N, C-alpha and C. Protein backbone atom coordinates (compact mmCIF):
# COMPACT_ATOMS: atom_id res chain seq x y z
N UNK A 1 0.86 -1.17 0.00
CA UNK A 1 0.00 0.00 0.00
C UNK A 1 0.91 1.24 0.00
N UNK A 2 0.62 2.17 -0.89
CA UNK A 2 1.38 3.42 -0.95
C UNK A 2 1.20 4.20 0.35
N UNK A 3 2.22 4.98 0.70
CA UNK A 3 2.18 5.73 1.97
C UNK A 3 0.97 6.65 2.06
N UNK A 4 0.66 7.37 0.98
CA UNK A 4 -0.47 8.29 1.03
C UNK A 4 -1.79 7.54 1.22
N UNK A 5 -1.91 6.37 0.59
CA UNK A 5 -3.12 5.58 0.75
C UNK A 5 -3.19 5.01 2.16
N UNK A 6 -2.07 4.56 2.69
CA UNK A 6 -2.03 4.05 4.06
C UNK A 6 -2.48 5.13 5.04
N UNK A 7 -2.03 6.36 4.81
CA UNK A 7 -2.43 7.49 5.65
C UNK A 7 -3.94 7.70 5.58
N UNK A 8 -4.51 7.66 4.38
CA UNK A 8 -5.95 7.87 4.21
C UNK A 8 -6.76 6.78 4.90
N UNK A 9 -6.34 5.54 4.74
CA UNK A 9 -7.05 4.42 5.39
C UNK A 9 -6.95 4.56 6.91
N UNK A 10 -5.75 4.83 7.41
CA UNK A 10 -5.57 4.98 8.86
C UNK A 10 -6.39 6.13 9.41
N UNK A 11 -6.40 7.24 8.69
CA UNK A 11 -7.17 8.41 9.14
C UNK A 11 -8.65 8.06 9.28
N UNK A 12 -9.18 7.36 8.28
CA UNK A 12 -10.58 6.97 8.33
C UNK A 12 -10.85 6.02 9.50
N UNK A 13 -10.02 5.00 9.62
CA UNK A 13 -10.27 3.97 10.64
C UNK A 13 -9.99 4.47 12.06
N UNK A 14 -9.26 5.58 12.18
CA UNK A 14 -9.01 6.18 13.50
C UNK A 14 -10.07 7.18 13.91
N UNK A 15 -11.00 7.48 13.03
CA UNK A 15 -12.13 8.35 13.35
C UNK A 15 -13.17 7.47 14.05
N UNK A 16 -13.31 7.64 15.36
CA UNK A 16 -14.15 6.73 16.15
C UNK A 16 -15.61 6.70 15.69
N UNK A 17 -16.19 7.84 15.37
CA UNK A 17 -17.60 7.88 14.93
C UNK A 17 -17.78 7.12 13.61
N UNK A 18 -16.86 7.37 12.70
CA UNK A 18 -16.93 6.68 11.40
C UNK A 18 -16.74 5.17 11.60
N UNK A 19 -15.73 4.80 12.35
CA UNK A 19 -15.41 3.39 12.54
C UNK A 19 -16.57 2.63 13.19
N UNK A 20 -17.26 3.26 14.12
CA UNK A 20 -18.42 2.62 14.75
C UNK A 20 -19.47 2.25 13.71
N UNK A 21 -19.64 3.10 12.72
CA UNK A 21 -20.64 2.85 11.67
C UNK A 21 -20.23 1.68 10.79
N UNK A 22 -18.95 1.62 10.41
CA UNK A 22 -18.50 0.67 9.38
C UNK A 22 -17.76 -0.55 9.92
N UNK A 23 -17.60 -0.63 11.22
CA UNK A 23 -16.79 -1.70 11.82
C UNK A 23 -17.21 -3.09 11.36
N UNK A 24 -18.50 -3.38 11.35
CA UNK A 24 -18.93 -4.74 10.98
C UNK A 24 -18.57 -5.08 9.53
N UNK A 25 -18.57 -4.09 8.66
CA UNK A 25 -18.18 -4.32 7.27
C UNK A 25 -16.66 -4.49 7.18
N UNK A 26 -15.94 -3.55 7.73
CA UNK A 26 -14.47 -3.55 7.66
C UNK A 26 -13.89 -4.85 8.20
N UNK A 27 -14.44 -5.36 9.30
CA UNK A 27 -13.90 -6.55 9.94
C UNK A 27 -14.41 -7.86 9.36
N UNK A 28 -15.34 -7.80 8.43
CA UNK A 28 -15.87 -9.05 7.88
C UNK A 28 -14.84 -9.69 6.95
N UNK A 29 -14.71 -11.01 7.03
CA UNK A 29 -13.76 -11.71 6.15
C UNK A 29 -14.03 -11.44 4.67
N UNK A 30 -15.30 -11.31 4.31
CA UNK A 30 -15.64 -11.08 2.90
C UNK A 30 -15.14 -9.72 2.42
N UNK A 31 -15.27 -8.69 3.24
CA UNK A 31 -14.77 -7.37 2.84
C UNK A 31 -13.24 -7.34 2.87
N UNK A 32 -12.66 -8.05 3.80
CA UNK A 32 -11.19 -8.12 3.89
C UNK A 32 -10.58 -8.70 2.61
N UNK A 33 -11.31 -9.58 1.92
CA UNK A 33 -10.82 -10.15 0.66
C UNK A 33 -10.52 -9.05 -0.37
N UNK A 34 -11.21 -7.92 -0.25
CA UNK A 34 -11.05 -6.84 -1.23
C UNK A 34 -9.66 -6.18 -1.13
N UNK A 35 -8.91 -6.52 -0.10
CA UNK A 35 -7.52 -6.05 -0.03
C UNK A 35 -6.71 -6.66 -1.17
N UNK A 36 -7.15 -7.80 -1.68
CA UNK A 36 -6.45 -8.50 -2.76
C UNK A 36 -7.08 -8.27 -4.13
N UNK A 37 -8.12 -7.43 -4.19
CA UNK A 37 -8.74 -7.09 -5.47
C UNK A 37 -8.11 -5.79 -5.95
N UNK A 38 -7.40 -5.85 -7.05
CA UNK A 38 -6.81 -4.63 -7.60
C UNK A 38 -7.93 -3.74 -8.15
N UNK A 39 -7.84 -2.45 -7.87
CA UNK A 39 -8.85 -1.52 -8.37
C UNK A 39 -8.26 -0.69 -9.50
N UNK A 40 -7.56 0.37 -9.15
CA UNK A 40 -6.89 1.22 -10.13
C UNK A 40 -5.42 1.27 -9.77
N UNK A 41 -4.58 1.00 -10.74
CA UNK A 41 -3.13 1.08 -10.59
C UNK A 41 -2.67 0.34 -9.33
N UNK A 42 -2.14 1.06 -8.32
CA UNK A 42 -1.61 0.38 -7.13
C UNK A 42 -2.57 0.47 -5.94
N UNK A 43 -3.84 0.61 -6.21
CA UNK A 43 -4.86 0.75 -5.17
C UNK A 43 -5.77 -0.47 -5.17
N UNK A 44 -6.08 -1.00 -3.98
CA UNK A 44 -7.00 -2.14 -3.88
C UNK A 44 -8.44 -1.63 -3.77
N UNK A 45 -9.38 -2.52 -4.00
CA UNK A 45 -10.79 -2.18 -3.83
C UNK A 45 -11.05 -1.79 -2.37
N UNK A 46 -10.42 -2.49 -1.46
CA UNK A 46 -10.54 -2.18 -0.02
C UNK A 46 -10.15 -0.73 0.25
N UNK A 47 -8.98 -0.33 -0.22
CA UNK A 47 -8.49 1.04 0.01
C UNK A 47 -9.38 2.07 -0.68
N UNK A 48 -9.73 1.78 -1.92
CA UNK A 48 -10.57 2.70 -2.69
C UNK A 48 -11.91 2.93 -1.99
N UNK A 49 -12.54 1.85 -1.55
CA UNK A 49 -13.86 1.97 -0.92
C UNK A 49 -13.79 2.72 0.40
N UNK A 50 -12.74 2.50 1.17
CA UNK A 50 -12.59 3.25 2.42
C UNK A 50 -12.41 4.74 2.11
N UNK A 51 -11.60 5.05 1.11
CA UNK A 51 -11.39 6.46 0.78
C UNK A 51 -12.69 7.14 0.33
N UNK A 52 -13.46 6.48 -0.53
CA UNK A 52 -14.74 7.04 -1.00
C UNK A 52 -15.71 7.18 0.17
N UNK A 53 -15.81 6.13 0.95
CA UNK A 53 -16.74 6.10 2.08
C UNK A 53 -16.45 7.23 3.07
N UNK A 54 -15.20 7.38 3.42
CA UNK A 54 -14.85 8.38 4.42
C UNK A 54 -15.03 9.81 3.89
N UNK A 55 -14.66 10.03 2.64
CA UNK A 55 -14.86 11.35 2.03
C UNK A 55 -16.34 11.70 2.00
N UNK A 56 -17.18 10.78 1.53
CA UNK A 56 -18.62 11.02 1.45
C UNK A 56 -19.21 11.20 2.85
N UNK A 57 -18.78 10.40 3.80
CA UNK A 57 -19.24 10.51 5.19
C UNK A 57 -18.96 11.92 5.73
N UNK A 58 -17.75 12.41 5.53
CA UNK A 58 -17.37 13.73 6.06
C UNK A 58 -18.16 14.85 5.39
N UNK A 59 -18.35 14.76 4.09
CA UNK A 59 -19.13 15.78 3.37
C UNK A 59 -20.57 15.77 3.85
N UNK A 60 -21.17 14.60 3.94
CA UNK A 60 -22.57 14.49 4.38
C UNK A 60 -22.73 14.97 5.82
N UNK A 61 -21.77 14.65 6.66
CA UNK A 61 -21.84 15.11 8.05
C UNK A 61 -21.84 16.63 8.12
N UNK A 62 -20.97 17.24 7.33
CA UNK A 62 -20.88 18.71 7.29
C UNK A 62 -22.17 19.34 6.79
N UNK A 63 -22.83 18.67 5.85
CA UNK A 63 -24.05 19.20 5.25
C UNK A 63 -25.32 18.81 6.00
N UNK A 64 -25.18 18.02 7.05
CA UNK A 64 -26.34 17.59 7.83
C UNK A 64 -27.18 16.53 7.12
N UNK A 65 -26.55 15.77 6.25
CA UNK A 65 -27.24 14.70 5.53
C UNK A 65 -27.04 13.37 6.25
N UNK A 66 -27.52 12.29 5.66
CA UNK A 66 -27.41 10.97 6.27
C UNK A 66 -25.99 10.42 6.10
N UNK A 67 -25.11 10.84 6.96
CA UNK A 67 -23.70 10.46 6.86
C UNK A 67 -23.51 8.96 7.11
N UNK A 68 -24.34 8.37 7.93
CA UNK A 68 -24.24 6.92 8.19
C UNK A 68 -24.47 6.14 6.89
N UNK A 69 -25.51 6.51 6.16
CA UNK A 69 -25.81 5.83 4.90
C UNK A 69 -24.73 6.08 3.86
N UNK A 70 -24.18 7.28 3.83
CA UNK A 70 -23.08 7.59 2.90
C UNK A 70 -21.86 6.75 3.23
N UNK A 71 -21.56 6.58 4.51
CA UNK A 71 -20.41 5.76 4.92
C UNK A 71 -20.60 4.31 4.49
N UNK A 72 -21.78 3.77 4.74
CA UNK A 72 -22.06 2.37 4.40
C UNK A 72 -22.12 2.19 2.88
N UNK A 73 -22.88 3.03 2.21
CA UNK A 73 -23.00 2.93 0.75
C UNK A 73 -21.68 3.13 0.05
N UNK A 74 -20.88 4.09 0.53
CA UNK A 74 -19.57 4.33 -0.06
C UNK A 74 -18.65 3.13 0.13
N UNK A 75 -18.74 2.49 1.26
CA UNK A 75 -17.90 1.33 1.53
C UNK A 75 -18.30 0.12 0.67
N UNK A 76 -19.57 0.01 0.36
CA UNK A 76 -20.07 -1.15 -0.37
C UNK A 76 -20.28 -0.90 -1.87
N UNK A 77 -19.99 0.30 -2.35
CA UNK A 77 -20.31 0.62 -3.74
C UNK A 77 -19.57 -0.26 -4.76
N UNK A 78 -18.41 -0.78 -4.43
CA UNK A 78 -17.66 -1.67 -5.33
C UNK A 78 -17.49 -3.06 -4.71
N UNK A 79 -18.48 -3.52 -3.99
CA UNK A 79 -18.44 -4.82 -3.30
C UNK A 79 -18.89 -5.93 -4.25
N UNK A 80 -18.28 -5.98 -5.44
CA UNK A 80 -18.64 -6.97 -6.44
C UNK A 80 -17.98 -8.31 -6.13
N UNK A 81 -18.32 -9.34 -6.92
CA UNK A 81 -17.98 -10.72 -6.61
C UNK A 81 -16.49 -11.06 -6.67
N UNK A 82 -15.83 -10.64 -7.72
CA UNK A 82 -14.42 -11.01 -7.90
C UNK A 82 -13.71 -9.87 -8.62
N UNK A 83 -12.38 -9.87 -8.59
CA UNK A 83 -11.65 -8.80 -9.27
C UNK A 83 -12.05 -8.73 -10.76
N UNK A 84 -12.38 -7.53 -11.22
CA UNK A 84 -12.87 -7.39 -12.59
C UNK A 84 -11.80 -7.74 -13.62
N UNK A 85 -10.53 -7.62 -13.25
CA UNK A 85 -9.46 -7.96 -14.20
C UNK A 85 -9.42 -9.46 -14.49
N UNK A 86 -9.96 -10.27 -13.58
CA UNK A 86 -9.98 -11.72 -13.76
C UNK A 86 -11.12 -12.19 -14.66
N UNK A 87 -12.04 -11.31 -14.95
CA UNK A 87 -13.20 -11.67 -15.76
C UNK A 87 -12.81 -11.58 -17.24
N UNK A 88 -12.35 -12.69 -17.79
CA UNK A 88 -11.84 -12.70 -19.16
C UNK A 88 -12.84 -13.24 -20.18
N UNK A 89 -14.00 -13.69 -19.70
CA UNK A 89 -14.97 -14.23 -20.66
C UNK A 89 -15.47 -13.11 -21.58
N UNK A 90 -15.67 -13.46 -22.82
CA UNK A 90 -16.11 -12.52 -23.84
C UNK A 90 -17.56 -12.11 -23.58
N UNK A 91 -17.83 -10.83 -23.58
CA UNK A 91 -19.19 -10.33 -23.38
C UNK A 91 -19.86 -10.17 -24.74
N UNK A 92 -21.12 -10.59 -24.82
CA UNK A 92 -21.83 -10.47 -26.08
C UNK A 92 -22.42 -9.08 -26.29
N UNK A 93 -22.27 -8.23 -25.29
CA UNK A 93 -22.76 -6.86 -25.40
C UNK A 93 -21.83 -5.91 -24.66
N UNK A 94 -21.62 -4.77 -25.23
CA UNK A 94 -20.81 -3.72 -24.59
C UNK A 94 -21.37 -3.39 -23.21
N UNK A 95 -22.69 -3.43 -23.09
CA UNK A 95 -23.36 -3.03 -21.86
C UNK A 95 -23.33 -4.10 -20.77
N UNK A 96 -22.66 -5.23 -21.03
CA UNK A 96 -22.49 -6.26 -20.02
C UNK A 96 -21.08 -6.23 -19.43
N UNK A 97 -20.30 -5.22 -19.80
CA UNK A 97 -18.95 -5.09 -19.27
C UNK A 97 -19.01 -4.57 -17.83
N UNK A 98 -17.90 -4.74 -17.13
CA UNK A 98 -17.80 -4.43 -15.70
C UNK A 98 -18.39 -3.08 -15.30
N UNK A 99 -18.05 -2.04 -16.02
CA UNK A 99 -18.52 -0.70 -15.67
C UNK A 99 -20.02 -0.56 -15.62
N UNK A 100 -20.71 -1.38 -16.40
CA UNK A 100 -22.17 -1.31 -16.46
C UNK A 100 -22.86 -2.27 -15.48
N UNK A 101 -22.21 -3.36 -15.11
CA UNK A 101 -22.89 -4.38 -14.32
C UNK A 101 -22.43 -4.49 -12.86
N UNK A 102 -21.28 -3.92 -12.53
CA UNK A 102 -20.75 -4.20 -11.18
C UNK A 102 -21.57 -3.56 -10.07
N UNK A 103 -22.28 -2.49 -10.35
CA UNK A 103 -23.11 -1.87 -9.30
C UNK A 103 -24.21 -2.83 -8.85
N UNK A 104 -24.83 -3.51 -9.81
CA UNK A 104 -25.85 -4.51 -9.47
C UNK A 104 -25.26 -5.67 -8.69
N UNK A 105 -24.06 -6.11 -9.10
CA UNK A 105 -23.37 -7.18 -8.36
C UNK A 105 -23.05 -6.73 -6.94
N UNK A 106 -22.59 -5.49 -6.81
CA UNK A 106 -22.24 -4.95 -5.49
C UNK A 106 -23.47 -4.89 -4.59
N UNK A 107 -24.61 -4.50 -5.14
CA UNK A 107 -25.84 -4.45 -4.34
C UNK A 107 -26.26 -5.86 -3.93
N UNK A 108 -26.25 -6.80 -4.86
CA UNK A 108 -26.60 -8.19 -4.52
C UNK A 108 -25.70 -8.72 -3.40
N UNK A 109 -24.41 -8.49 -3.54
CA UNK A 109 -23.44 -8.96 -2.55
C UNK A 109 -23.65 -8.26 -1.20
N UNK A 110 -23.96 -6.98 -1.24
CA UNK A 110 -24.20 -6.22 0.00
C UNK A 110 -25.41 -6.76 0.75
N UNK A 111 -26.46 -7.05 0.01
CA UNK A 111 -27.68 -7.61 0.63
C UNK A 111 -27.39 -9.00 1.19
N UNK A 112 -26.59 -9.76 0.47
CA UNK A 112 -26.25 -11.13 0.91
C UNK A 112 -25.47 -11.10 2.23
N UNK A 113 -24.47 -10.22 2.34
CA UNK A 113 -23.58 -10.22 3.50
C UNK A 113 -23.98 -9.24 4.60
N UNK A 114 -24.67 -8.16 4.25
CA UNK A 114 -25.01 -7.12 5.24
C UNK A 114 -26.46 -6.65 5.09
N UNK A 115 -27.43 -7.58 5.11
CA UNK A 115 -28.83 -7.18 4.86
C UNK A 115 -29.34 -6.15 5.86
N UNK A 116 -28.84 -6.20 7.07
CA UNK A 116 -29.30 -5.27 8.10
C UNK A 116 -28.81 -3.83 7.87
N UNK A 117 -27.85 -3.64 6.99
CA UNK A 117 -27.29 -2.31 6.73
C UNK A 117 -27.81 -1.68 5.44
N UNK A 118 -28.47 -2.46 4.60
CA UNK A 118 -28.91 -1.95 3.30
C UNK A 118 -30.37 -1.49 3.37
N UNK A 119 -30.53 -0.18 3.34
CA UNK A 119 -31.86 0.43 3.28
C UNK A 119 -32.03 1.06 1.89
N UNK A 120 -33.11 1.78 1.67
CA UNK A 120 -33.37 2.37 0.35
C UNK A 120 -32.26 3.33 -0.07
N UNK A 121 -31.77 4.13 0.85
CA UNK A 121 -30.73 5.12 0.52
C UNK A 121 -29.40 4.43 0.21
N UNK A 122 -29.00 3.47 1.01
CA UNK A 122 -27.76 2.73 0.77
C UNK A 122 -27.86 1.98 -0.55
N UNK A 123 -29.00 1.37 -0.81
CA UNK A 123 -29.23 0.66 -2.06
C UNK A 123 -29.06 1.60 -3.26
N UNK A 124 -29.63 2.78 -3.17
CA UNK A 124 -29.52 3.76 -4.25
C UNK A 124 -28.07 4.21 -4.44
N UNK A 125 -27.36 4.41 -3.35
CA UNK A 125 -25.94 4.79 -3.43
C UNK A 125 -25.16 3.75 -4.22
N UNK A 126 -25.34 2.50 -3.86
CA UNK A 126 -24.59 1.41 -4.51
C UNK A 126 -25.00 1.27 -5.98
N UNK A 127 -26.28 1.20 -6.22
CA UNK A 127 -26.80 0.92 -7.56
C UNK A 127 -26.56 2.06 -8.56
N UNK A 128 -26.55 3.29 -8.08
CA UNK A 128 -26.49 4.43 -9.00
C UNK A 128 -25.13 5.13 -9.04
N UNK A 129 -24.12 4.59 -8.35
CA UNK A 129 -22.84 5.31 -8.26
C UNK A 129 -22.11 5.42 -9.60
N UNK A 130 -22.51 4.63 -10.58
CA UNK A 130 -21.85 4.68 -11.89
C UNK A 130 -22.53 5.63 -12.87
N UNK A 131 -23.48 6.43 -12.40
CA UNK A 131 -24.11 7.42 -13.28
C UNK A 131 -23.01 8.32 -13.84
N UNK A 132 -22.98 8.59 -15.12
CA UNK A 132 -24.00 8.38 -16.14
C UNK A 132 -23.89 7.08 -16.92
N UNK A 133 -22.96 6.16 -16.57
CA UNK A 133 -22.93 4.87 -17.27
C UNK A 133 -24.25 4.13 -17.10
N UNK A 134 -24.78 4.15 -15.89
CA UNK A 134 -26.14 3.64 -15.75
C UNK A 134 -27.06 4.83 -15.98
N UNK A 135 -28.15 4.61 -16.66
CA UNK A 135 -28.94 5.76 -17.13
C UNK A 135 -29.83 6.38 -16.06
N UNK A 136 -29.99 5.72 -14.94
CA UNK A 136 -30.84 6.25 -13.89
C UNK A 136 -30.00 7.09 -12.92
N UNK A 137 -30.29 8.38 -12.80
CA UNK A 137 -29.50 9.22 -11.90
C UNK A 137 -29.78 8.89 -10.43
N UNK A 138 -28.84 9.21 -9.56
CA UNK A 138 -29.06 9.01 -8.13
C UNK A 138 -30.31 9.75 -7.64
N UNK A 139 -30.97 9.16 -6.68
CA UNK A 139 -32.23 9.70 -6.15
C UNK A 139 -32.00 10.61 -4.94
N UNK A 140 -30.99 10.33 -4.14
CA UNK A 140 -30.76 11.03 -2.88
C UNK A 140 -29.49 11.89 -2.95
N UNK A 141 -29.43 12.96 -2.15
CA UNK A 141 -28.21 13.77 -2.12
C UNK A 141 -26.97 12.95 -1.73
N UNK A 142 -27.14 12.01 -0.82
CA UNK A 142 -26.02 11.16 -0.39
C UNK A 142 -25.50 10.31 -1.55
N UNK A 143 -26.41 9.87 -2.40
CA UNK A 143 -26.02 9.09 -3.58
C UNK A 143 -25.20 9.94 -4.54
N UNK A 144 -25.60 11.17 -4.73
CA UNK A 144 -24.84 12.09 -5.59
C UNK A 144 -23.44 12.32 -5.01
N UNK A 145 -23.37 12.48 -3.72
CA UNK A 145 -22.08 12.75 -3.08
C UNK A 145 -21.13 11.56 -3.24
N UNK A 146 -21.63 10.35 -3.03
CA UNK A 146 -20.78 9.16 -3.23
C UNK A 146 -20.38 9.05 -4.71
N UNK A 147 -21.31 9.33 -5.61
CA UNK A 147 -21.01 9.28 -7.05
C UNK A 147 -19.88 10.25 -7.40
N UNK A 148 -19.99 11.49 -6.91
CA UNK A 148 -18.94 12.48 -7.20
C UNK A 148 -17.63 12.14 -6.50
N UNK A 149 -17.70 11.64 -5.28
CA UNK A 149 -16.48 11.24 -4.56
C UNK A 149 -15.77 10.12 -5.33
N UNK A 150 -16.53 9.17 -5.84
CA UNK A 150 -15.96 8.07 -6.61
C UNK A 150 -15.27 8.59 -7.87
N UNK A 151 -15.92 9.49 -8.59
CA UNK A 151 -15.32 10.05 -9.81
C UNK A 151 -14.07 10.86 -9.47
N UNK A 152 -14.15 11.68 -8.45
CA UNK A 152 -13.04 12.55 -8.04
C UNK A 152 -11.81 11.71 -7.68
N UNK A 153 -12.00 10.72 -6.82
CA UNK A 153 -10.89 9.88 -6.38
C UNK A 153 -10.35 9.04 -7.53
N UNK A 154 -11.24 8.47 -8.34
CA UNK A 154 -10.80 7.63 -9.46
C UNK A 154 -10.01 8.42 -10.49
N UNK A 155 -10.42 9.63 -10.79
CA UNK A 155 -9.67 10.46 -11.73
C UNK A 155 -8.30 10.81 -11.17
N UNK A 156 -8.20 10.97 -9.87
CA UNK A 156 -6.93 11.29 -9.24
C UNK A 156 -5.89 10.21 -9.36
N UNK A 157 -6.32 8.94 -9.40
CA UNK A 157 -5.35 7.85 -9.49
C UNK A 157 -4.88 7.61 -10.92
N UNK A 158 -5.56 8.20 -11.87
CA UNK A 158 -5.18 7.96 -13.26
C UNK A 158 -3.86 8.62 -13.62
N UNK A 159 -3.61 9.79 -13.09
CA UNK A 159 -2.31 10.44 -13.28
C UNK A 159 -2.04 10.95 -14.66
N UNK A 160 -1.84 10.08 -15.61
CA UNK A 160 -1.47 10.53 -16.96
C UNK A 160 -2.53 10.11 -17.97
N UNK A 161 -2.39 10.63 -19.15
CA UNK A 161 -3.32 10.31 -20.22
C UNK A 161 -3.32 8.84 -20.59
N UNK A 162 -2.17 8.16 -20.44
CA UNK A 162 -2.10 6.74 -20.78
C UNK A 162 -3.04 5.92 -19.91
N UNK A 163 -3.08 6.22 -18.62
CA UNK A 163 -3.99 5.50 -17.73
C UNK A 163 -5.44 5.82 -18.07
N UNK A 164 -5.72 7.07 -18.42
CA UNK A 164 -7.08 7.44 -18.78
C UNK A 164 -7.54 6.64 -20.00
N UNK A 165 -6.68 6.53 -21.01
CA UNK A 165 -7.03 5.76 -22.20
C UNK A 165 -7.32 4.30 -21.84
N UNK A 166 -6.53 3.75 -20.93
CA UNK A 166 -6.72 2.35 -20.52
C UNK A 166 -8.08 2.18 -19.85
N UNK A 167 -8.46 3.09 -18.96
CA UNK A 167 -9.69 2.91 -18.19
C UNK A 167 -10.95 3.23 -18.96
N UNK A 168 -10.84 3.97 -20.04
CA UNK A 168 -12.05 4.19 -20.85
C UNK A 168 -12.08 3.23 -22.03
N UNK A 169 -11.12 2.31 -22.08
CA UNK A 169 -11.13 1.25 -23.07
C UNK A 169 -10.52 1.61 -24.41
N UNK A 170 -9.81 2.71 -24.50
CA UNK A 170 -9.23 3.11 -25.77
C UNK A 170 -7.80 2.64 -25.98
N UNK A 171 -7.10 2.24 -24.94
CA UNK A 171 -5.70 1.86 -25.09
C UNK A 171 -5.55 0.66 -26.02
N UNK A 172 -6.36 -0.39 -25.83
CA UNK A 172 -6.30 -1.57 -26.69
C UNK A 172 -6.65 -1.18 -28.13
N UNK A 173 -7.66 -0.33 -28.27
CA UNK A 173 -8.09 0.12 -29.58
C UNK A 173 -6.96 0.87 -30.29
N UNK A 174 -6.31 1.79 -29.58
CA UNK A 174 -5.21 2.54 -30.19
C UNK A 174 -4.02 1.66 -30.52
N UNK A 175 -3.75 0.67 -29.69
CA UNK A 175 -2.65 -0.27 -29.98
C UNK A 175 -2.93 -1.07 -31.26
N UNK A 176 -4.19 -1.44 -31.49
CA UNK A 176 -4.55 -2.18 -32.70
C UNK A 176 -4.37 -1.30 -33.94
N UNK A 177 -4.70 -0.03 -33.82
CA UNK A 177 -4.55 0.89 -34.95
C UNK A 177 -3.09 1.09 -35.31
N UNK A 178 -2.21 1.14 -34.30
CA UNK A 178 -0.79 1.36 -34.52
C UNK A 178 -0.13 0.22 -35.28
N UNK A 179 -0.68 -1.00 -35.16
CA UNK A 179 -0.07 -2.19 -35.79
C UNK A 179 -0.23 -2.18 -37.25
């Protein structure tokens, strides 16, 4: 784990109010597996979700919104079944690729492992965080905040144009054209 990411994770987990909300998720063996799921570059899904969750929690708390739901929804927004890089089966539709389907997988998984924590607001946060890839916009202010936090943090890890091309699916396309 990079030093800056370690600092962010530690900062979140040392915030007693935040940790009380997310402790059951953080300590679950199923969520711990996400430490081994690569997300973007040198960041794991575990680290990414904690960063999104804590950022959204703090913003919602400041605004007097449902910070508990933002913390939970932010933590579970990428709680999909397996690392997306391992999914090598050919998709028969562009819209069945990871970016379009993982929110539904994350919601199913969240309900399976943490049914007592998933309410309408948390469900909306998880299901709609990929807007505008999914056509239904978020319904709640907390959902919008998690969506923007996810975009903000994800764009930050891209660094250069080469990574951006890779994550929007153009790198392979450009490599084929060069040949």
